[in-house]
Amino acid sequence: MAVEADIDIELLKSEIKKTYSSVSQEPERDFIFPTGRAWAEDLGYPPELANVPESAVESFAGVANPWAMGRLAAGERVLDLGSGAATDSLVAAQMVGPAGHVTGIDMTPEMLAKARSAAATMGVANVEFVEGEAERLPFSDASFDVVISNGVIDLVPDKDAVFAELYRVLAPGGRMQIADVTIQNPVSEEGRRKIDLWTG
């Protein structure tokens, strides 16, 4: 899908960062989407969720359950696209164990700070967090065995660029476990220009 010329991409990114900064810093606030541990449990998250610190899970803002597509194997290299406060990254770190590695990438500095703090609290050494954008991943080709993502790709206008990057960084035979929002009907031109519809 080509990016629409009438969408102010920089404004959109700024508004998305503002929204998810609020989710990070004010997790108790009511958003137009569900958040928190109870929401992740309602989605059927795996038992590893219980070990994830509340400091991370309170800012969970996923849309569905990428773990419904299967568990990760010990030793796998995982990319968590749009890792937020790290709920999925920390679940993944437990599944892949010390021989595996998880890299979370997010464009919101406040979420990254929260993710790093939660990983330190949990004492996991096989996870790291990187600032970056989905359309330009700062990783080598074939660096990951699995990509996980939850409610992130729907926020990016240039989905072709995102999937091209995911394909590039996945090793041959790699897989994606993506939970996201999709639509069945085309969005009107007016709807595409409404920043609020993109941000949450």
N, C-alpha and C. Protein backbone atom coordinates (compact mmCIF):
# COMPACT_ATOMS: atom_id res chain seq x y z
N MET A 1 0.83 -1.17 0.00
CA MET A 1 0.00 0.00 0.00
C MET A 1 0.88 1.24 0.00
N ALA A 2 0.74 2.08 -0.97
CA ALA A 2 1.53 3.31 -1.03
C ALA A 2 1.05 4.27 0.06
N VAL A 3 1.99 5.03 0.59
CA VAL A 3 1.64 6.02 1.59
C VAL A 3 0.90 7.15 0.91
N GLU A 4 -0.21 7.55 1.49
CA GLU A 4 -1.00 8.64 0.92
C GLU A 4 -0.25 9.95 1.09
N ALA A 5 -0.18 10.74 0.02
CA ALA A 5 0.56 12.00 0.03
C ALA A 5 -0.05 13.01 1.00
N ASP A 6 -1.34 12.90 1.28
CA ASP A 6 -1.97 13.91 2.13
C ASP A 6 -1.90 13.57 3.62
N ILE A 7 -1.20 12.52 3.99
CA ILE A 7 -0.98 12.20 5.40
C ILE A 7 0.34 12.83 5.82
N ASP A 8 0.31 13.61 6.88
CA ASP A 8 1.52 14.20 7.42
C ASP A 8 2.20 13.13 8.29
N ILE A 9 3.15 12.42 7.71
CA ILE A 9 3.78 11.27 8.38
C ILE A 9 4.49 11.69 9.67
N GLU A 10 5.18 12.81 9.65
CA GLU A 10 5.89 13.26 10.85
C GLU A 10 4.91 13.62 11.97
N LEU A 11 3.80 14.27 11.61
CA LEU A 11 2.78 14.58 12.61
C LEU A 11 2.18 13.28 13.17
N LEU A 12 1.92 12.33 12.28
CA LEU A 12 1.38 11.05 12.71
C LEU A 12 2.32 10.37 13.71
N LYS A 13 3.61 10.30 13.38
CA LYS A 13 4.58 9.67 14.28
C LYS A 13 4.63 10.41 15.62
N SER A 14 4.58 11.73 15.57
CA SER A 14 4.60 12.52 16.79
C SER A 14 3.38 12.22 17.67
N GLU A 15 2.21 12.09 17.05
CA GLU A 15 0.99 11.80 17.81
C GLU A 15 1.00 10.38 18.37
N ILE A 16 1.54 9.43 17.60
CA ILE A 16 1.65 8.05 18.09
C ILE A 16 2.60 8.01 19.30
N LYS A 17 3.74 8.70 19.20
CA LYS A 17 4.68 8.75 20.32
C LYS A 17 4.01 9.37 21.54
N LYS A 18 3.24 10.42 21.33
CA LYS A 18 2.55 11.10 22.43
C LYS A 18 1.56 10.15 23.11
N THR A 19 0.80 9.42 22.30
CA THR A 19 -0.19 8.48 22.85
C THR A 19 0.49 7.40 23.68
N TYR A 20 1.54 6.78 23.13
CA TYR A 20 2.16 5.66 23.83
C TYR A 20 3.09 6.11 24.95
N SER A 21 3.55 7.36 24.89
CA SER A 21 4.24 7.93 26.03
C SER A 21 3.27 8.04 27.20
N SER A 22 2.03 8.44 26.91
CA SER A 22 1.00 8.51 27.96
C SER A 22 0.69 7.13 28.52
N VAL A 23 0.61 6.12 27.65
CA VAL A 23 0.36 4.75 28.13
C VAL A 23 1.49 4.32 29.07
N SER A 24 2.71 4.73 28.74
CA SER A 24 3.86 4.39 29.57
C SER A 24 3.84 5.12 30.90
N GLN A 25 3.58 6.42 30.87
CA GLN A 25 3.71 7.24 32.06
C GLN A 25 2.44 7.33 32.91
N GLU A 26 1.29 7.07 32.29
CA GLU A 26 0.02 7.15 33.01
C GLU A 26 -0.82 5.89 32.75
N PRO A 27 -0.30 4.71 33.10
CA PRO A 27 -0.99 3.47 32.74
C PRO A 27 -2.38 3.33 33.37
N GLU A 28 -2.62 4.06 34.45
CA GLU A 28 -3.92 3.97 35.12
C GLU A 28 -5.00 4.78 34.40
N ARG A 29 -4.60 5.62 33.45
CA ARG A 29 -5.54 6.47 32.72
C ARG A 29 -6.41 5.62 31.81
N ASP A 30 -7.62 6.08 31.53
CA ASP A 30 -8.50 5.40 30.58
C ASP A 30 -8.14 5.81 29.16
N PHE A 31 -7.83 4.83 28.34
CA PHE A 31 -7.55 5.08 26.92
C PHE A 31 -8.71 4.51 26.12
N ILE A 32 -8.71 4.78 24.81
CA ILE A 32 -9.82 4.25 24.00
C ILE A 32 -9.59 2.78 23.65
N PHE A 33 -8.48 2.22 24.12
CA PHE A 33 -8.18 0.81 23.94
C PHE A 33 -7.84 0.22 25.30
N PRO A 34 -8.06 -1.09 25.50
CA PRO A 34 -7.77 -1.70 26.80
C PRO A 34 -6.27 -1.83 27.05
N THR A 35 -5.89 -1.81 28.31
CA THR A 35 -4.48 -1.94 28.70
C THR A 35 -4.37 -2.79 29.97
N GLY A 36 -3.14 -3.20 30.29
CA GLY A 36 -2.85 -3.81 31.57
C GLY A 36 -2.86 -5.33 31.62
N ARG A 37 -2.51 -5.85 32.80
CA ARG A 37 -2.39 -7.30 33.02
C ARG A 37 -3.72 -8.03 32.80
N ALA A 38 -4.81 -7.45 33.33
CA ALA A 38 -6.11 -8.12 33.18
C ALA A 38 -6.46 -8.30 31.71
N TRP A 39 -6.12 -7.31 30.89
CA TRP A 39 -6.38 -7.39 29.45
C TRP A 39 -5.54 -8.51 28.83
N ALA A 40 -4.25 -8.57 29.17
CA ALA A 40 -3.39 -9.63 28.63
C ALA A 40 -3.91 -11.01 29.05
N GLU A 41 -4.35 -11.12 30.30
CA GLU A 41 -4.91 -12.40 30.77
C GLU A 41 -6.19 -12.74 30.01
N ASP A 42 -7.06 -11.74 29.78
CA ASP A 42 -8.29 -11.97 29.00
C ASP A 42 -7.98 -12.47 27.60
N LEU A 43 -6.84 -12.02 27.05
CA LEU A 43 -6.44 -12.45 25.71
C LEU A 43 -5.86 -13.86 25.69
N GLY A 44 -5.67 -14.45 26.86
CA GLY A 44 -5.16 -15.82 26.94
C GLY A 44 -3.65 -15.92 26.88
N TYR A 45 -2.95 -14.94 27.42
CA TYR A 45 -1.49 -14.95 27.41
C TYR A 45 -0.94 -16.18 28.13
N PRO A 46 0.27 -16.63 27.76
CA PRO A 46 0.84 -17.85 28.35
C PRO A 46 1.26 -17.65 29.81
N PRO A 47 1.57 -18.74 30.51
CA PRO A 47 1.89 -18.65 31.94
C PRO A 47 3.10 -17.77 32.26
N GLU A 48 4.00 -17.58 31.31
CA GLU A 48 5.18 -16.73 31.53
C GLU A 48 4.79 -15.29 31.88
N LEU A 49 3.56 -14.89 31.54
CA LEU A 49 3.09 -13.55 31.86
C LEU A 49 3.19 -13.28 33.37
N ALA A 50 2.96 -14.30 34.18
CA ALA A 50 2.96 -14.13 35.63
C ALA A 50 4.30 -13.62 36.15
N ASN A 51 5.40 -13.91 35.45
CA ASN A 51 6.73 -13.50 35.89
C ASN A 51 7.13 -12.11 35.40
N VAL A 52 6.34 -11.52 34.52
CA VAL A 52 6.66 -10.20 33.98
C VAL A 52 6.29 -9.15 35.02
N PRO A 53 7.22 -8.26 35.36
CA PRO A 53 6.95 -7.26 36.39
C PRO A 53 5.74 -6.38 36.06
N GLU A 54 5.04 -5.98 37.10
CA GLU A 54 3.88 -5.11 36.92
C GLU A 54 4.26 -3.80 36.23
N SER A 55 5.48 -3.34 36.45
CA SER A 55 5.94 -2.10 35.82
C SER A 55 5.89 -2.17 34.30
N ALA A 56 6.01 -3.36 33.74
CA ALA A 56 5.88 -3.53 32.29
C ALA A 56 4.42 -3.78 31.91
N VAL A 57 3.79 -4.72 32.59
CA VAL A 57 2.45 -5.16 32.18
C VAL A 57 1.39 -4.08 32.36
N GLU A 58 1.61 -3.16 33.30
CA GLU A 58 0.62 -2.09 33.49
C GLU A 58 0.46 -1.24 32.23
N SER A 59 1.50 -1.20 31.38
CA SER A 59 1.44 -0.42 30.14
C SER A 59 1.23 -1.30 28.90
N PHE A 60 0.85 -2.56 29.11
CA PHE A 60 0.54 -3.44 27.97
C PHE A 60 -0.65 -2.86 27.20
N ALA A 61 -0.49 -2.72 25.89
CA ALA A 61 -1.55 -2.16 25.05
C ALA A 61 -1.73 -2.98 23.78
N GLY A 62 -1.54 -4.30 23.88
CA GLY A 62 -1.70 -5.17 22.73
C GLY A 62 -3.15 -5.28 22.30
N VAL A 63 -3.36 -5.78 21.10
CA VAL A 63 -4.72 -5.89 20.55
C VAL A 63 -5.22 -7.33 20.50
N ALA A 64 -4.31 -8.29 20.59
CA ALA A 64 -4.67 -9.71 20.53
C ALA A 64 -3.50 -10.51 21.11
N ASN A 65 -3.44 -11.81 20.83
CA ASN A 65 -2.47 -12.69 21.45
C ASN A 65 -1.57 -13.35 20.40
N PRO A 66 -0.35 -12.83 20.19
CA PRO A 66 0.53 -13.47 19.20
C PRO A 66 0.97 -14.87 19.62
N TRP A 67 0.85 -15.19 20.90
CA TRP A 67 1.25 -16.51 21.40
C TRP A 67 0.22 -17.58 21.04
N ALA A 68 -0.96 -17.18 20.59
CA ALA A 68 -1.95 -18.15 20.13
C ALA A 68 -1.44 -18.91 18.90
N MET A 69 -0.43 -18.35 18.21
CA MET A 69 0.16 -19.00 17.04
C MET A 69 1.26 -19.96 17.39
N GLY A 70 1.57 -20.08 18.68
CA GLY A 70 2.57 -21.05 19.10
C GLY A 70 3.62 -20.46 20.01
N ARG A 71 4.30 -21.35 20.69
CA ARG A 71 5.38 -20.97 21.60
C ARG A 71 6.69 -20.85 20.83
N LEU A 72 7.63 -20.17 21.42
CA LEU A 72 8.97 -20.07 20.85
C LEU A 72 9.81 -21.24 21.36
N ALA A 73 10.86 -21.56 20.61
CA ALA A 73 11.75 -22.65 21.00
C ALA A 73 13.00 -22.09 21.68
N ALA A 74 13.56 -22.89 22.56
CA ALA A 74 14.81 -22.50 23.22
C ALA A 74 15.86 -22.18 22.16
N GLY A 75 16.60 -21.11 22.39
CA GLY A 75 17.70 -20.75 21.49
C GLY A 75 17.32 -19.86 20.32
N GLU A 76 16.04 -19.59 20.11
CA GLU A 76 15.65 -18.76 18.96
C GLU A 76 16.03 -17.30 19.17
N ARG A 77 16.28 -16.62 18.03
CA ARG A 77 16.56 -15.19 18.01
C ARG A 77 15.26 -14.49 17.61
N VAL A 78 14.80 -13.58 18.47
CA VAL A 78 13.46 -13.00 18.32
C VAL A 78 13.53 -11.49 18.20
N LEU A 79 12.76 -10.95 17.27
CA LEU A 79 12.55 -9.50 17.17
C LEU A 79 11.13 -9.21 17.61
N ASP A 80 10.98 -8.31 18.60
CA ASP A 80 9.67 -7.84 19.03
C ASP A 80 9.48 -6.45 18.43
N LEU A 81 8.70 -6.39 17.36
CA LEU A 81 8.48 -5.14 16.63
C LEU A 81 7.44 -4.29 17.36
N GLY A 82 7.87 -3.12 17.84
CA GLY A 82 7.00 -2.26 18.62
C GLY A 82 6.85 -2.83 20.02
N SER A 83 7.97 -3.02 20.68
CA SER A 83 8.00 -3.76 21.95
C SER A 83 7.36 -3.03 23.12
N GLY A 84 7.11 -1.75 23.00
CA GLY A 84 6.46 -1.03 24.08
C GLY A 84 7.19 -1.20 25.40
N ALA A 85 6.43 -1.44 26.47
CA ALA A 85 7.01 -1.58 27.81
C ALA A 85 7.59 -2.96 28.06
N ALA A 86 7.56 -3.83 27.08
CA ALA A 86 8.30 -5.11 27.09
C ALA A 86 7.52 -6.35 27.52
N THR A 87 6.23 -6.29 27.64
CA THR A 87 5.49 -7.49 28.06
C THR A 87 5.82 -8.67 27.16
N ASP A 88 5.66 -8.51 25.84
CA ASP A 88 5.91 -9.62 24.92
C ASP A 88 7.39 -10.01 24.88
N SER A 89 8.28 -9.02 24.94
CA SER A 89 9.71 -9.32 24.95
C SER A 89 10.09 -10.17 26.16
N LEU A 90 9.52 -9.85 27.31
CA LEU A 90 9.87 -10.59 28.53
C LEU A 90 9.23 -11.97 28.58
N VAL A 91 8.07 -12.12 27.97
CA VAL A 91 7.49 -13.46 27.79
C VAL A 91 8.41 -14.27 26.87
N ALA A 92 8.81 -13.65 25.76
CA ALA A 92 9.68 -14.32 24.78
C ALA A 92 11.02 -14.70 25.39
N ALA A 93 11.61 -13.82 26.19
CA ALA A 93 12.91 -14.09 26.81
C ALA A 93 12.86 -15.35 27.67
N GLN A 94 11.75 -15.56 28.34
CA GLN A 94 11.59 -16.78 29.16
C GLN A 94 11.49 -18.01 28.26
N MET A 95 10.75 -17.88 27.17
CA MET A 95 10.56 -19.04 26.28
C MET A 95 11.86 -19.47 25.60
N VAL A 96 12.66 -18.50 25.12
CA VAL A 96 13.87 -18.85 24.37
C VAL A 96 15.03 -19.22 25.29
N GLY A 97 14.94 -18.84 26.56
CA GLY A 97 15.96 -19.21 27.53
C GLY A 97 17.29 -18.53 27.29
N PRO A 98 18.29 -18.87 28.11
CA PRO A 98 19.58 -18.19 28.03
C PRO A 98 20.32 -18.39 26.71
N ALA A 99 20.01 -19.46 25.98
CA ALA A 99 20.67 -19.68 24.69
C ALA A 99 20.03 -18.84 23.57
N GLY A 100 18.85 -18.29 23.83
CA GLY A 100 18.18 -17.46 22.85
C GLY A 100 18.40 -15.99 23.14
N HIS A 101 17.85 -15.16 22.27
CA HIS A 101 18.01 -13.71 22.46
C HIS A 101 16.79 -13.00 21.91
N VAL A 102 16.35 -11.97 22.62
CA VAL A 102 15.21 -11.16 22.20
C VAL A 102 15.66 -9.71 22.04
N THR A 103 15.29 -9.12 20.92
CA THR A 103 15.55 -7.70 20.68
C THR A 103 14.20 -7.01 20.50
N GLY A 104 13.93 -6.06 21.37
CA GLY A 104 12.73 -5.25 21.23
C GLY A 104 13.08 -3.94 20.56
N ILE A 105 12.25 -3.51 19.63
CA ILE A 105 12.46 -2.21 18.99
C ILE A 105 11.19 -1.39 19.13
N ASP A 106 11.37 -0.12 19.49
CA ASP A 106 10.23 0.78 19.66
C ASP A 106 10.70 2.19 19.35
N MET A 107 9.77 3.07 18.96
CA MET A 107 10.15 4.44 18.64
C MET A 107 9.83 5.42 19.77
N THR A 108 9.31 4.91 20.89
CA THR A 108 8.91 5.78 22.00
C THR A 108 9.93 5.67 23.13
N PRO A 109 10.73 6.72 23.37
CA PRO A 109 11.76 6.65 24.40
C PRO A 109 11.23 6.28 25.79
N GLU A 110 10.05 6.77 26.15
CA GLU A 110 9.50 6.45 27.46
C GLU A 110 9.19 4.97 27.60
N MET A 111 8.68 4.36 26.54
CA MET A 111 8.43 2.92 26.56
C MET A 111 9.74 2.14 26.66
N LEU A 112 10.76 2.57 25.93
CA LEU A 112 12.05 1.89 25.98
C LEU A 112 12.66 1.96 27.37
N ALA A 113 12.56 3.10 28.02
CA ALA A 113 13.08 3.23 29.38
C ALA A 113 12.35 2.28 30.32
N LYS A 114 11.05 2.20 30.17
CA LYS A 114 10.25 1.31 31.01
C LYS A 114 10.61 -0.15 30.73
N ALA A 115 10.83 -0.49 29.47
CA ALA A 115 11.19 -1.86 29.08
C ALA A 115 12.54 -2.25 29.69
N ARG A 116 13.52 -1.36 29.58
CA ARG A 116 14.86 -1.67 30.13
C ARG A 116 14.80 -1.85 31.65
N SER A 117 14.02 -1.01 32.31
CA SER A 117 13.88 -1.11 33.75
C SER A 117 13.20 -2.42 34.15
N ALA A 118 12.16 -2.81 33.41
CA ALA A 118 11.45 -4.07 33.71
C ALA A 118 12.37 -5.27 33.50
N ALA A 119 13.17 -5.25 32.43
CA ALA A 119 14.10 -6.36 32.18
C ALA A 119 15.12 -6.46 33.31
N ALA A 120 15.60 -5.32 33.80
CA ALA A 120 16.56 -5.32 34.91
C ALA A 120 15.90 -5.85 36.18
N THR A 121 14.67 -5.44 36.43
CA THR A 121 13.93 -5.93 37.59
C THR A 121 13.76 -7.44 37.53
N MET A 122 13.47 -7.94 36.34
CA MET A 122 13.25 -9.37 36.15
C MET A 122 14.56 -10.15 36.15
N GLY A 123 15.67 -9.47 35.90
CA GLY A 123 16.98 -10.11 35.91
C GLY A 123 17.28 -10.95 34.69
N VAL A 124 16.69 -10.60 33.54
CA VAL A 124 16.97 -11.35 32.32
C VAL A 124 18.11 -10.70 31.56
N ALA A 125 19.03 -11.51 31.07
CA ALA A 125 20.21 -11.00 30.36
C ALA A 125 20.13 -11.25 28.86
N ASN A 126 19.08 -11.93 28.41
CA ASN A 126 18.99 -12.31 26.99
C ASN A 126 18.03 -11.42 26.21
N VAL A 127 17.86 -10.17 26.68
CA VAL A 127 16.96 -9.25 26.00
C VAL A 127 17.60 -7.87 25.95
N GLU A 128 17.37 -7.18 24.85
CA GLU A 128 17.85 -5.80 24.70
C GLU A 128 16.78 -4.98 23.99
N PHE A 129 16.87 -3.66 24.14
CA PHE A 129 15.88 -2.77 23.55
C PHE A 129 16.57 -1.68 22.76
N VAL A 130 16.05 -1.43 21.55
CA VAL A 130 16.65 -0.52 20.58
C VAL A 130 15.60 0.49 20.15
N GLU A 131 16.01 1.75 20.01
CA GLU A 131 15.11 2.76 19.48
C GLU A 131 15.18 2.74 17.96
N GLY A 132 14.03 2.71 17.31
CA GLY A 132 14.00 2.70 15.85
C GLY A 132 12.57 2.61 15.34
N GLU A 133 12.45 2.61 14.01
CA GLU A 133 11.15 2.58 13.36
C GLU A 133 11.00 1.33 12.49
N ALA A 134 9.78 0.87 12.39
CA ALA A 134 9.47 -0.38 11.70
C ALA A 134 9.83 -0.35 10.22
N GLU A 135 9.79 0.83 9.60
CA GLU A 135 10.04 0.92 8.16
C GLU A 135 11.53 0.92 7.82
N ARG A 136 12.40 1.10 8.84
CA ARG A 136 13.84 1.13 8.63
C ARG A 136 14.51 0.44 9.82
N LEU A 137 14.53 -0.87 9.80
CA LEU A 137 15.07 -1.63 10.93
C LEU A 137 16.60 -1.59 10.91
N PRO A 138 17.22 -1.28 12.05
CA PRO A 138 18.68 -1.18 12.12
C PRO A 138 19.37 -2.51 12.39
N PHE A 139 18.97 -3.54 11.64
CA PHE A 139 19.50 -4.88 11.86
C PHE A 139 19.99 -5.47 10.55
N SER A 140 20.93 -6.39 10.65
CA SER A 140 21.46 -7.07 9.46
C SER A 140 20.43 -8.02 8.87
N ASP A 141 20.61 -8.36 7.61
CA ASP A 141 19.76 -9.35 6.95
C ASP A 141 19.83 -10.68 7.72
N ALA A 142 18.72 -11.38 7.75
CA ALA A 142 18.65 -12.73 8.32
C ALA A 142 19.12 -12.80 9.77
N SER A 143 18.81 -11.77 10.57
CA SER A 143 19.27 -11.71 11.97
C SER A 143 18.36 -12.43 12.95
N PHE A 144 17.12 -12.74 12.54
CA PHE A 144 16.13 -13.27 13.50
C PHE A 144 15.46 -14.52 12.97
N ASP A 145 15.09 -15.40 13.89
CA ASP A 145 14.34 -16.60 13.55
C ASP A 145 12.83 -16.35 13.60
N VAL A 146 12.43 -15.41 14.46
CA VAL A 146 11.01 -15.14 14.68
C VAL A 146 10.81 -13.64 14.87
N VAL A 147 9.74 -13.12 14.28
CA VAL A 147 9.29 -11.76 14.57
C VAL A 147 7.96 -11.88 15.28
N ILE A 148 7.86 -11.21 16.44
CA ILE A 148 6.57 -11.09 17.11
C ILE A 148 6.18 -9.62 17.09
N SER A 149 4.89 -9.35 17.08
CA SER A 149 4.41 -7.98 17.11
C SER A 149 2.95 -7.99 17.54
N ASN A 150 2.57 -6.94 18.27
CA ASN A 150 1.21 -6.90 18.79
C ASN A 150 0.66 -5.48 18.71
N GLY A 151 -0.20 -5.24 17.73
CA GLY A 151 -0.88 -3.96 17.62
C GLY A 151 0.00 -2.82 17.19
N VAL A 152 0.95 -3.07 16.30
CA VAL A 152 1.90 -2.04 15.89
C VAL A 152 1.82 -1.73 14.40
N ILE A 153 1.75 -2.76 13.58
CA ILE A 153 1.79 -2.53 12.13
C ILE A 153 0.60 -1.70 11.67
N ASP A 154 -0.53 -1.82 12.36
CA ASP A 154 -1.69 -1.01 11.97
C ASP A 154 -1.43 0.48 12.15
N LEU A 155 -0.44 0.85 12.97
CA LEU A 155 -0.13 2.27 13.20
C LEU A 155 0.77 2.87 12.12
N VAL A 156 1.34 2.04 11.26
CA VAL A 156 2.31 2.50 10.26
C VAL A 156 1.63 2.60 8.89
N PRO A 157 1.64 3.79 8.28
CA PRO A 157 0.99 3.94 6.97
C PRO A 157 1.61 3.07 5.87
N ASP A 158 2.95 2.95 5.84
CA ASP A 158 3.61 2.23 4.75
C ASP A 158 3.85 0.77 5.15
N LYS A 159 2.80 -0.02 5.07
CA LYS A 159 2.88 -1.41 5.48
C LYS A 159 3.80 -2.23 4.56
N ASP A 160 3.86 -1.87 3.28
CA ASP A 160 4.77 -2.56 2.37
C ASP A 160 6.20 -2.44 2.85
N ALA A 161 6.59 -1.26 3.31
CA ALA A 161 7.96 -1.06 3.81
C ALA A 161 8.20 -1.90 5.05
N VAL A 162 7.22 -1.97 5.94
CA VAL A 162 7.36 -2.77 7.17
C VAL A 162 7.58 -4.24 6.81
N PHE A 163 6.72 -4.79 5.96
CA PHE A 163 6.85 -6.21 5.64
C PHE A 163 8.10 -6.51 4.83
N ALA A 164 8.55 -5.56 4.01
CA ALA A 164 9.81 -5.76 3.29
C ALA A 164 10.97 -5.85 4.29
N GLU A 165 10.93 -5.00 5.32
CA GLU A 165 11.97 -5.03 6.34
C GLU A 165 11.91 -6.31 7.17
N LEU A 166 10.71 -6.73 7.52
CA LEU A 166 10.58 -7.98 8.29
C LEU A 166 11.11 -9.16 7.48
N TYR A 167 10.76 -9.20 6.21
CA TYR A 167 11.26 -10.27 5.35
C TYR A 167 12.79 -10.24 5.29
N ARG A 168 13.35 -9.03 5.20
CA ARG A 168 14.80 -8.87 5.10
C ARG A 168 15.52 -9.38 6.35
N VAL A 169 14.98 -9.06 7.54
CA VAL A 169 15.70 -9.43 8.77
C VAL A 169 15.42 -10.85 9.24
N LEU A 170 14.42 -11.51 8.65
CA LEU A 170 14.14 -12.90 9.01
C LEU A 170 15.11 -13.84 8.31
N ALA A 171 15.61 -14.81 9.06
CA ALA A 171 16.46 -15.85 8.47
C ALA A 171 15.60 -16.76 7.59
N PRO A 172 16.19 -17.44 6.62
CA PRO A 172 15.44 -18.40 5.81
C PRO A 172 14.71 -19.39 6.73
N GLY A 173 13.44 -19.60 6.45
CA GLY A 173 12.63 -20.48 7.26
C GLY A 173 12.07 -19.81 8.51
N GLY A 174 12.37 -18.52 8.68
CA GLY A 174 11.86 -17.79 9.84
C GLY A 174 10.35 -17.60 9.75
N ARG A 175 9.77 -17.14 10.85
CA ARG A 175 8.32 -16.98 10.88
C ARG A 175 7.92 -15.70 11.62
N MET A 176 6.68 -15.29 11.39
CA MET A 176 6.11 -14.12 12.06
C MET A 176 4.90 -14.55 12.87
N GLN A 177 4.80 -14.00 14.08
CA GLN A 177 3.63 -14.20 14.93
C GLN A 177 3.10 -12.81 15.26
N ILE A 178 2.18 -12.36 14.41
CA ILE A 178 1.69 -10.98 14.48
C ILE A 178 0.23 -10.97 14.89
N ALA A 179 -0.06 -10.17 15.90
CA ALA A 179 -1.43 -9.89 16.32
C ALA A 179 -1.68 -8.43 15.99
N ASP A 180 -2.72 -8.15 15.23
CA ASP A 180 -2.94 -6.77 14.83
C ASP A 180 -4.38 -6.54 14.44
N VAL A 181 -4.68 -5.29 14.16
CA VAL A 181 -6.00 -4.86 13.74
C VAL A 181 -6.04 -4.84 12.22
N THR A 182 -7.09 -5.40 11.66
CA THR A 182 -7.27 -5.34 10.20
C THR A 182 -8.67 -4.83 9.90
N ILE A 183 -8.87 -4.38 8.67
CA ILE A 183 -10.19 -3.93 8.25
C ILE A 183 -10.62 -4.73 7.02
N GLN A 184 -11.90 -4.80 6.82
CA GLN A 184 -12.43 -5.55 5.69
C GLN A 184 -12.83 -4.66 4.52
N ASN A 185 -13.04 -3.37 4.79
CA ASN A 185 -13.48 -2.45 3.75
C ASN A 185 -12.49 -1.30 3.61
N PRO A 186 -12.41 -0.71 2.42
CA PRO A 186 -11.49 0.41 2.23
C PRO A 186 -11.84 1.58 3.15
N VAL A 187 -10.82 2.31 3.58
CA VAL A 187 -11.00 3.50 4.40
C VAL A 187 -11.15 4.70 3.47
N SER A 188 -12.08 5.57 3.79
CA SER A 188 -12.31 6.76 2.96
C SER A 188 -11.10 7.68 2.99
N GLU A 189 -11.01 8.57 2.00
CA GLU A 189 -9.93 9.56 1.96
C GLU A 189 -9.95 10.41 3.22
N GLU A 190 -11.15 10.82 3.64
CA GLU A 190 -11.28 11.64 4.85
C GLU A 190 -10.79 10.87 6.07
N GLY A 191 -11.15 9.59 6.16
CA GLY A 191 -10.71 8.76 7.27
C GLY A 191 -9.20 8.61 7.32
N ARG A 192 -8.55 8.51 6.18
CA ARG A 192 -7.09 8.36 6.13
C ARG A 192 -6.38 9.59 6.66
N ARG A 193 -7.04 10.74 6.56
CA ARG A 193 -6.41 11.98 7.01
C ARG A 193 -6.61 12.24 8.51
N LYS A 194 -7.46 11.48 9.18
CA LYS A 194 -7.74 11.71 10.60
C LYS A 194 -6.68 11.04 11.46
N ILE A 195 -5.81 11.85 12.03
CA ILE A 195 -4.70 11.34 12.85
C ILE A 195 -5.24 10.50 14.01
N ASP A 196 -6.36 10.91 14.61
CA ASP A 196 -6.89 10.18 15.76
C ASP A 196 -7.23 8.73 15.42
N LEU A 197 -7.64 8.47 14.19
CA LEU A 197 -7.95 7.09 13.79
C LEU A 197 -6.68 6.24 13.69
N TRP A 198 -5.54 6.87 13.41
CA TRP A 198 -4.27 6.14 13.31
C TRP A 198 -3.67 5.85 14.67
N THR A 199 -3.88 6.74 15.64
CA THR A 199 -3.12 6.66 16.89
C THR A 199 -3.75 5.78 17.96
N GLY A 200 -4.92 5.28 17.75
CA GLY A 200 -5.45 4.40 18.77
C GLY A 200 -6.93 4.33 18.70
